[in-house]
Protein backbone atom coordinates (compact mmCIF):
# COMPACT_ATOMS: atom_id res chain seq x y z
CA MET A 1 4.56 -105.49 -77.03
CA SER A 2 2.72 -104.64 -80.38
CA LEU A 3 -0.07 -102.54 -79.57
CA ASN A 4 -1.69 -104.52 -82.66
CA VAL A 5 -2.14 -107.17 -80.45
CA PHE A 6 -2.80 -105.42 -77.09
CA TRP A 7 -5.90 -107.59 -75.71
CA GLU A 8 -2.81 -110.09 -75.01
CA SER A 9 -0.69 -108.16 -72.43
CA SER A 10 -3.68 -105.51 -71.46
CA LYS A 11 -3.61 -105.70 -67.49
CA LYS A 12 -7.26 -104.01 -66.84
CA ILE A 13 -10.12 -102.62 -68.47
CA VAL A 14 -11.31 -99.39 -66.72
CA ALA A 15 -14.57 -98.88 -68.02
CA ILE A 16 -16.51 -95.19 -67.28
CA GLY A 17 -19.74 -95.20 -65.55
CA ARG A 18 -22.72 -92.78 -67.16
CA ASN A 19 -20.43 -90.65 -69.17
CA PHE A 20 -23.20 -89.89 -71.54
CA ALA A 21 -26.22 -87.98 -69.98
CA GLU A 22 -29.34 -89.23 -72.01
CA HIS A 23 -27.77 -93.10 -70.92
CA ALA A 24 -27.80 -91.75 -67.07
CA LYS A 25 -31.18 -90.88 -67.71
CA GLU A 26 -32.51 -93.95 -69.54
CA LEU A 27 -31.72 -96.56 -66.54
CA GLY A 28 -32.85 -93.65 -64.01
CA ASN A 29 -29.70 -93.07 -62.49
CA ALA A 30 -28.46 -89.31 -61.56
CA VAL A 31 -26.22 -87.89 -63.99
CA PRO A 32 -22.15 -87.63 -61.99
CA THR A 33 -20.64 -84.56 -61.22
CA LYS A 34 -16.86 -86.20 -61.56
CA PRO A 35 -15.96 -89.54 -63.43
CA PHE A 36 -16.53 -92.58 -61.78
CA PHE A 37 -15.29 -95.94 -63.18
CA PHE A 38 -15.59 -99.76 -62.73
CA LEU A 39 -12.79 -102.49 -63.59
CA LYS A 40 -13.58 -105.55 -65.92
CA PRO A 41 -10.89 -108.38 -66.16
CA THR A 42 -9.09 -108.62 -69.32
CA THR A 43 -10.49 -112.74 -69.52
CA SER A 44 -13.84 -110.77 -70.58
CA PHE A 45 -11.98 -109.42 -73.96
CA VAL A 46 -13.37 -111.40 -77.25
CA ARG A 47 -12.19 -111.13 -80.61
CA PRO A 48 -14.27 -110.11 -83.60
CA GLY A 49 -16.17 -113.22 -85.28
CA GLY A 50 -15.64 -114.51 -81.59
CA ALA A 51 -19.07 -115.25 -79.46
CA VAL A 52 -20.97 -113.38 -76.45
CA VAL A 53 -21.85 -115.99 -74.09
CA ILE A 54 -25.20 -115.69 -72.47
CA PRO A 55 -24.93 -116.70 -68.23
CA PRO A 56 -27.97 -119.14 -67.20
CA ARG A 57 -30.40 -116.26 -65.73
CA ALA A 58 -28.75 -113.36 -66.88
CA ASP A 59 -30.55 -110.43 -69.08
CA VAL A 60 -27.49 -109.34 -70.41
CA HIS A 61 -27.46 -105.72 -72.68
CA HIS A 62 -25.07 -104.18 -75.11
CA GLU A 63 -23.25 -100.76 -74.49
CA VAL A 64 -21.23 -99.69 -77.25
CA GLU A 65 -17.92 -97.72 -76.46
CA LEU A 66 -15.07 -95.98 -77.74
CA ALA A 67 -12.19 -97.61 -75.92
CA VAL A 68 -9.05 -96.01 -75.30
CA ILE A 69 -5.74 -98.09 -75.76
CA ILE A 70 -2.71 -96.83 -73.21
CA GLY A 71 0.57 -96.44 -74.83
CA SER A 72 3.03 -95.36 -72.26
CA THR A 73 2.60 -95.38 -68.37
CA ALA A 74 0.38 -92.87 -67.13
CA LYS A 75 0.50 -92.06 -63.12
CA ARG A 76 -0.89 -88.96 -61.81
CA VAL A 77 -1.30 -87.60 -65.07
CA LYS A 78 -3.09 -84.21 -65.78
CA ALA A 79 -5.49 -83.31 -68.65
CA ALA A 80 -3.32 -81.26 -70.65
CA GLU A 81 -0.90 -84.20 -70.87
CA ALA A 82 -2.91 -87.11 -71.11
CA MET A 83 -2.71 -87.49 -74.86
CA ASN A 84 0.53 -88.06 -75.17
CA HIS A 85 -0.31 -91.47 -73.36
CA VAL A 86 -2.93 -92.54 -75.59
CA ALA A 87 -1.48 -94.80 -78.41
CA GLY A 88 -5.22 -95.12 -80.41
CA TYR A 89 -8.53 -96.76 -79.98
CA ALA A 90 -10.99 -99.44 -80.90
CA VAL A 91 -14.95 -99.98 -80.82
CA ALA A 92 -15.97 -101.77 -77.93
CA LEU A 93 -19.08 -103.90 -75.80
CA ASP A 94 -19.37 -103.48 -72.21
CA MET A 95 -21.77 -106.26 -71.99
CA THR A 96 -23.70 -106.20 -68.70
CA ALA A 97 -25.88 -108.64 -66.93
CA ARG A 98 -28.71 -106.05 -66.00
CA ASN A 99 -30.56 -107.99 -64.02
CA PHE A 100 -27.76 -109.05 -62.03
CA GLN A 101 -26.53 -105.33 -61.75
CA MET A 102 -29.77 -104.07 -60.43
CA GLU A 103 -29.60 -106.79 -58.09
CA ALA A 104 -26.24 -105.71 -56.61
CA LYS A 105 -27.15 -101.87 -56.72
CA GLU A 106 -30.24 -102.75 -54.50
CA LYS A 107 -28.04 -104.37 -51.94
CA GLY A 108 -25.22 -101.72 -52.12
CA LEU A 109 -23.21 -104.17 -53.41
CA PRO A 110 -20.48 -103.98 -56.19
CA TRP A 111 -21.07 -104.45 -60.06
CA SER A 112 -17.91 -107.33 -60.38
CA ALA A 113 -19.80 -109.98 -61.57
CA ALA A 114 -22.71 -108.55 -63.66
CA LYS A 115 -19.78 -106.82 -65.76
CA GLY A 116 -16.88 -109.57 -65.25
CA TYR A 117 -18.30 -112.46 -67.48
CA ASP A 118 -16.12 -113.84 -69.73
CA THR A 119 -16.67 -112.62 -73.39
CA PHE A 120 -18.54 -109.55 -71.69
CA CYS A 121 -15.75 -107.32 -73.35
CA PRO A 122 -15.72 -107.66 -77.18
CA ILE A 123 -13.58 -105.36 -78.81
CA GLY A 124 -12.29 -104.33 -82.67
CA ASP A 125 -9.03 -103.90 -84.17
CA PHE A 126 -6.39 -101.36 -82.96
CA ILE A 127 -7.11 -97.96 -84.56
CA GLU A 128 -4.24 -95.80 -84.58
CA LYS A 129 -4.22 -92.28 -82.77
CA GLU A 130 -3.70 -90.56 -85.86
CA LYS A 131 -6.63 -92.10 -87.90
CA ILE A 132 -9.44 -90.51 -85.07
CA LYS A 133 -8.23 -86.88 -85.48
CA ASP A 134 -11.18 -86.00 -83.19
CA PRO A 135 -12.11 -88.77 -80.73
CA HIS A 136 -14.64 -86.45 -79.20
CA ASN A 137 -16.81 -86.22 -82.06
CA VAL A 138 -16.98 -89.29 -84.03
CA GLU A 139 -20.09 -91.61 -83.99
CA LEU A 140 -20.85 -95.25 -82.46
CA TRP A 141 -23.05 -97.29 -83.40
CA LEU A 142 -24.74 -101.08 -82.63
CA LYS A 143 -26.87 -103.40 -84.32
CA ILE A 144 -28.77 -106.18 -83.70
CA ASP A 145 -29.60 -108.47 -86.36
CA GLY A 146 -29.22 -105.56 -89.11
CA GLN A 147 -31.60 -102.75 -87.21
CA ILE A 148 -29.91 -100.26 -85.57
CA LYS A 149 -30.09 -99.85 -81.80
CA GLN A 150 -27.66 -97.15 -80.79
CA LYS A 151 -26.45 -94.56 -82.68
CA GLY A 152 -24.85 -91.16 -80.67
CA SER A 153 -21.60 -88.80 -81.11
CA THR A 154 -18.82 -88.80 -78.52
CA ASN A 155 -19.73 -84.94 -78.19
CA GLN A 156 -21.85 -86.08 -75.98
CA MET A 157 -19.36 -86.95 -73.33
CA ILE A 158 -19.90 -85.54 -70.11
CA PHE A 159 -15.79 -86.00 -69.47
CA ASP A 160 -13.68 -86.09 -72.41
CA ILE A 161 -10.89 -88.37 -72.46
CA PRO A 162 -8.31 -85.85 -70.70
CA GLN A 163 -10.24 -85.52 -68.34
CA LEU A 164 -10.85 -89.73 -67.90
CA ILE A 165 -7.07 -90.16 -67.93
CA GLU A 166 -6.20 -87.61 -65.47
CA HIS A 167 -9.25 -88.82 -62.96
CA VAL A 168 -7.59 -92.39 -63.37
CA SER A 169 -4.43 -92.21 -62.91
CA SER A 170 -4.79 -90.52 -59.67
CA ILE A 171 -5.85 -93.52 -58.72
CA MET A 172 -4.20 -96.18 -60.27
CA THR A 173 -1.21 -96.34 -63.00
CA LEU A 174 -2.11 -96.68 -66.31
CA GLU A 175 0.37 -99.23 -68.17
CA ARG A 176 0.56 -99.65 -71.78
CA GLY A 177 -2.30 -102.00 -73.30
CA ASP A 178 -4.50 -100.64 -70.54
CA VAL A 179 -7.80 -100.33 -72.16
CA ILE A 180 -10.45 -97.30 -70.94
CA LEU A 181 -14.11 -97.66 -72.08
CA THR A 182 -15.57 -94.06 -72.47
CA GLY A 183 -18.88 -94.75 -71.57
CA THR A 184 -21.99 -95.48 -73.88
CA PRO A 185 -24.72 -93.55 -75.69
CA SER A 186 -28.59 -94.06 -74.80
CA GLY A 187 -30.41 -97.14 -76.33
CA VAL A 188 -29.03 -99.78 -74.57
CA GLY A 189 -30.83 -103.10 -74.58
CA PRO A 190 -31.21 -106.98 -74.49
CA VAL A 191 -29.32 -109.26 -76.43
CA LYS A 192 -30.12 -113.13 -77.29
CA ALA A 193 -28.69 -115.93 -77.96
CA GLY A 194 -28.36 -116.50 -81.97
CA GLN A 195 -28.05 -112.51 -82.63
CA LYS A 196 -25.74 -111.03 -84.64
CA LEU A 197 -24.35 -108.02 -83.32
CA GLU A 198 -22.37 -105.02 -85.37
CA CYS A 199 -20.80 -102.21 -83.81
CA GLY A 200 -18.60 -99.86 -84.93
CA VAL A 201 -17.01 -95.98 -85.35
CA THR A 202 -18.51 -94.32 -88.29
CA GLY A 203 -16.14 -94.46 -91.52
CA ILE A 204 -13.34 -95.67 -89.31
CA THR A 205 -13.87 -99.31 -87.96
CA GLU A 206 -16.46 -101.74 -87.70
CA ALA A 207 -16.78 -105.39 -85.80
CA THR A 208 -18.89 -108.41 -85.76
CA PHE A 209 -19.75 -111.15 -83.13
CA HIS A 210 -22.16 -113.36 -82.48
CA VAL A 211 -24.47 -114.19 -79.14
CA GLU A 212 -24.43 -117.80 -77.83
CA ALA A 213 -26.11 -119.65 -74.86
CA HIS A 214 -23.81 -120.65 -71.83
CA PRO A 215 -23.86 -124.43 -72.70
CA GLU A 216 -25.34 -125.08 -68.60
CA SER A 217 -28.48 -123.16 -69.73
CA LYS A 218 -28.95 -125.80 -72.44
CA LEU A 219 -29.43 -128.78 -69.25
């Protein structure tokens, strides 16, 4: 498998929750003392130029993130060795049906539905590891219809990439092509059908997606 098309063979998307303190606070959540994550299905991938589809009755929010692309099997890897298993990066969006997530949280239920709809992981092109010298000091940004909605540096991460790989790989084996979403800076908010989403890593990459209503929403 060429890692330039990692999304075709990726087996899982591991999404880190609340890894930026200001984002945790803006949603009224406690800042975590250790990493935690949830899974998104690979059927949620959307490539640049594609569409995010808004499910019926869903209040969908954008969350721009740095995606880490795993290059080799990582099982019970220590943080000191973790970066050896990183092949590269991408810019990605963790789309979230916020109202469905809140309903699930109130009932003590998992977030899988709120995070796992088809098209809920727009992701940009593969960036070779060598092209980002310090992944813990790059700027992430997102625009809606040309207006900046999110902008923040990965230096604000609570847990860095080696810590995340150590934690996740202690629970489940990470395989070549798997994706880790490393968390989002503050500024998350809703998207609507007809809007254009642009996101990127400043000076390195950017990707554009558009937003559509689900066909059933028009019935």
